[in-house]
Amino acid sequence: MAQQTAVEWFYQRILAEDIKEVFEQAKAMEKQQITFAYNDGANAMVSNKYKGMKTYYNEMYQSSQDKADN
Protein backbone atom coordinates (compact mmCIF):
# COMPACT_ATOMS: atom_id res chain seq x y z
CA MET A 1 0.00 0.00 0.00
CA ALA A 2 1.34 3.42 -0.93
CA GLN A 3 2.23 5.89 1.78
CA GLN A 4 0.18 9.03 2.05
CA THR A 5 1.95 12.34 1.43
CA ALA A 6 1.69 15.07 4.04
CA VAL A 7 -0.38 17.15 1.61
CA GLU A 8 -2.87 14.31 0.99
CA TRP A 9 -3.18 13.71 4.72
CA PHE A 10 -3.65 17.43 5.36
CA TYR A 11 -6.40 17.65 2.74
CA GLN A 12 -8.32 14.75 4.29
CA ARG A 13 -8.08 16.11 7.82
CA ILE A 14 -8.50 19.86 7.27
CA LEU A 15 -12.26 19.90 7.66
CA ALA A 16 -12.41 17.35 10.45
CA GLU A 17 -10.22 19.01 13.09
CA ASP A 18 -8.63 22.19 14.37
CA ILE A 19 -6.76 23.67 11.40
CA LYS A 20 -3.71 24.82 13.39
CA GLU A 21 -3.21 21.39 14.97
CA VAL A 22 -3.60 19.63 11.62
CA PHE A 23 -1.17 22.07 9.97
CA GLU A 24 1.49 21.45 12.63
CA GLN A 25 1.06 17.68 12.27
CA ALA A 26 1.38 17.99 8.48
CA LYS A 27 4.62 19.96 8.85
CA ALA A 28 6.02 17.24 11.13
CA MET A 29 5.01 14.55 8.61
CA GLU A 30 6.69 16.45 5.78
CA LYS A 31 9.90 16.81 7.80
CA GLN A 32 9.89 13.05 8.44
CA GLN A 33 9.24 12.28 4.76
CA ILE A 34 12.12 14.54 3.68
CA THR A 35 14.42 12.86 6.20
CA PHE A 36 13.46 9.40 4.95
CA ALA A 37 13.89 10.43 1.31
CA TYR A 38 17.32 11.92 2.02
CA ASN A 39 18.46 8.81 3.88
CA ASP A 40 17.03 6.47 1.23
CA GLY A 41 18.81 8.47 -1.48
CA ALA A 42 22.12 8.45 0.37
CA ASN A 43 21.87 4.71 0.98
CA ALA A 44 20.94 4.10 -2.66
CA MET A 45 23.95 6.06 -3.88
CA VAL A 46 26.30 4.15 -1.59
CA SER A 47 24.86 0.77 -2.61
CA ASN A 48 24.69 1.77 -6.29
CA LYS A 49 20.89 1.25 -6.41
CA TYR A 50 19.78 4.79 -7.27
CA LYS A 51 16.44 4.71 -9.14
CA GLY A 52 15.70 8.37 -9.72
CA MET A 53 13.28 10.76 -8.05
CA LYS A 54 10.20 9.88 -10.08
CA THR A 55 10.57 6.14 -9.51
CA TYR A 56 11.20 6.70 -5.78
CA TYR A 57 8.12 8.92 -5.46
CA ASN A 58 5.91 6.49 -7.36
CA GLU A 59 7.06 3.54 -5.25
CA MET A 60 6.58 5.42 -1.98
CA TYR A 61 3.50 7.58 -2.53
CA GLN A 62 1.57 6.75 -5.67
CA SER A 63 -1.54 4.74 -4.89
CA SER A 64 -2.52 1.74 -6.97
CA GLN A 65 -5.45 3.78 -8.36
CA ASP A 66 -3.07 6.55 -9.45
CA LYS A 67 -0.87 3.94 -11.14
CA ALA A 68 -3.90 2.53 -13.00
CA ASP A 69 -4.83 6.03 -14.19
CA ASN A 70 -1.34 6.62 -15.70
C-alpha atoms as a PDB file:
ATOM      1  CA  MET A   1       0.000   0.000   0.000  1.00  0.00           C
ATOM      2  CA  ALA A   2       1.343   3.423  -0.928  1.00  0.00           C
ATOM      3  CA  GLN A   3       2.226   5.887   1.778  1.00  0.00           C
ATOM      4  CA  GLN A   4       0.184   9.034   2.045  1.00  0.00           C
ATOM      5  CA  THR A   5       1.950  12.345   1.432  1.00  0.00           C
ATOM      6  CA  ALA A   6       1.692  15.075   4.039  1.00  0.00           C
ATOM      7  CA  VAL A   7      -0.379  17.148   1.607  1.00  0.00           C
ATOM      8  CA  GLU A   8      -2.866  14.314   0.986  1.00  0.00           C
ATOM      9  CA  TRP A   9      -3.180  13.707   4.716  1.00  0.00           C
ATOM     10  CA  PHE A  10      -3.653  17.432   5.358  1.00  0.00           C
ATOM     11  CA  TYR A  11      -6.399  17.649   2.743  1.00  0.00           C
ATOM     12  CA  GLN A  12      -8.323  14.747   4.285  1.00  0.00           C
ATOM     13  CA  ARG A  13      -8.078  16.107   7.817  1.00  0.00           C
ATOM     14  CA  ILE A  14      -8.499  19.856   7.267  1.00  0.00           C
ATOM     15  CA  LEU A  15     -12.260  19.900   7.658  1.00  0.00           C
ATOM     16  CA  ALA A  16     -12.409  17.352  10.450  1.00  0.00           C
ATOM     17  CA  GLU A  17     -10.221  19.011  13.091  1.00  0.00           C
ATOM     18  CA  ASP A  18      -8.627  22.185  14.374  1.00  0.00           C
ATOM     19  CA  ILE A  19      -6.758  23.671  11.405  1.00  0.00           C
ATOM     20  CA  LYS A  20      -3.713  24.823  13.390  1.00  0.00           C
ATOM     21  CA  GLU A  21      -3.209  21.386  14.966  1.00  0.00           C
ATOM     22  CA  VAL A  22      -3.604  19.634  11.617  1.00  0.00           C
ATOM     23  CA  PHE A  23      -1.172  22.073   9.971  1.00  0.00           C
ATOM     24  CA  GLU A  24       1.486  21.446  12.633  1.00  0.00           C
ATOM     25  CA  GLN A  25       1.061  17.682  12.266  1.00  0.00           C
ATOM     26  CA  ALA A  26       1.375  17.991   8.476  1.00  0.00           C
ATOM     27  CA  LYS A  27       4.617  19.959   8.850  1.00  0.00           C
ATOM     28  CA  ALA A  28       6.018  17.242  11.131  1.00  0.00           C
ATOM     29  CA  MET A  29       5.009  14.553   8.609  1.00  0.00           C
ATOM     30  CA  GLU A  30       6.685  16.454   5.784  1.00  0.00           C
ATOM     31  CA  LYS A  31       9.901  16.809   7.799  1.00  0.00           C
ATOM     32  CA  GLN A  32       9.893  13.050   8.435  1.00  0.00           C
ATOM     33  CA  GLN A  33       9.238  12.284   4.760  1.00  0.00           C
ATOM     34  CA  ILE A  34      12.118  14.538   3.678  1.00  0.00           C
ATOM     35  CA  THR A  35      14.416  12.863   6.199  1.00  0.00           C
ATOM     36  CA  PHE A  36      13.460   9.397   4.951  1.00  0.00           C
ATOM     37  CA  ALA A  37      13.885  10.429   1.313  1.00  0.00           C
ATOM     38  CA  TYR A  38      17.315  11.920   2.017  1.00  0.00           C
ATOM     39  CA  ASN A  39      18.458   8.807   3.875  1.00  0.00           C
ATOM     40  CA  ASP A  40      17.032   6.474   1.230  1.00  0.00           C
ATOM     41  CA  GLY A  41      18.808   8.472  -1.479  1.00  0.00           C
ATOM     42  CA  ALA A  42      22.121   8.450   0.368  1.00  0.00           C
ATOM     43  CA  ASN A  43      21.872   4.709   0.976  1.00  0.00           C
ATOM     44  CA  ALA A  44      20.936   4.098  -2.663  1.00  0.00           C
ATOM     45  CA  MET A  45      23.947   6.055  -3.881  1.00  0.00           C
ATOM     46  CA  VAL A  46      26.303   4.148  -1.590  1.00  0.00           C
ATOM     47  CA  SER A  47      24.859   0.774  -2.608  1.00  0.00           C
ATOM     48  CA  ASN A  48      24.686   1.775  -6.294  1.00  0.00           C
ATOM     49  CA  LYS A  49      20.889   1.248  -6.412  1.00  0.00           C
ATOM     50  CA  TYR A  50      19.779   4.791  -7.271  1.00  0.00           C
ATOM     51  CA  LYS A  51      16.440   4.707  -9.139  1.00  0.00           C
ATOM     52  CA  GLY A  52      15.699   8.368  -9.723  1.00  0.00           C
ATOM     53  CA  MET A  53      13.277  10.764  -8.054  1.00  0.00           C
ATOM     54  CA  LYS A  54      10.199   9.877 -10.084  1.00  0.00           C
ATOM     55  CA  THR A  55      10.568   6.136  -9.505  1.00  0.00           C
ATOM     56  CA  TYR A  56      11.198   6.696  -5.777  1.00  0.00           C
ATOM     57  CA  TYR A  57       8.117   8.920  -5.460  1.00  0.00           C
ATOM     58  CA  ASN A  58       5.909   6.485  -7.362  1.00  0.00           C
ATOM     59  CA  GLU A  59       7.062   3.542  -5.249  1.00  0.00           C
ATOM     60  CA  MET A  60       6.584   5.422  -1.980  1.00  0.00           C
ATOM     61  CA  TYR A  61       3.504   7.582  -2.530  1.00  0.00           C
ATOM     62  CA  GLN A  62       1.566   6.749  -5.669  1.00  0.00           C
ATOM     63  CA  SER A  63      -1.539   4.739  -4.891  1.00  0.00           C
ATOM     64  CA  SER A  64      -2.524   1.735  -6.966  1.00  0.00           C
ATOM     65  CA  GLN A  65      -5.449   3.778  -8.356  1.00  0.00           C
ATOM     66  CA  ASP A  66      -3.070   6.551  -9.450  1.00  0.00           C
ATOM     67  CA  LYS A  67      -0.871   3.938 -11.145  1.00  0.00           C
ATOM     68  CA  ALA A  68      -3.896   2.532 -12.999  1.00  0.00           C
ATOM     69  CA  ASP A  69      -4.826   6.026 -14.187  1.00  0.00           C
ATOM     70  CA  ASN A  70      -1.345   6.623 -15.703  1.00  0.00           C
END
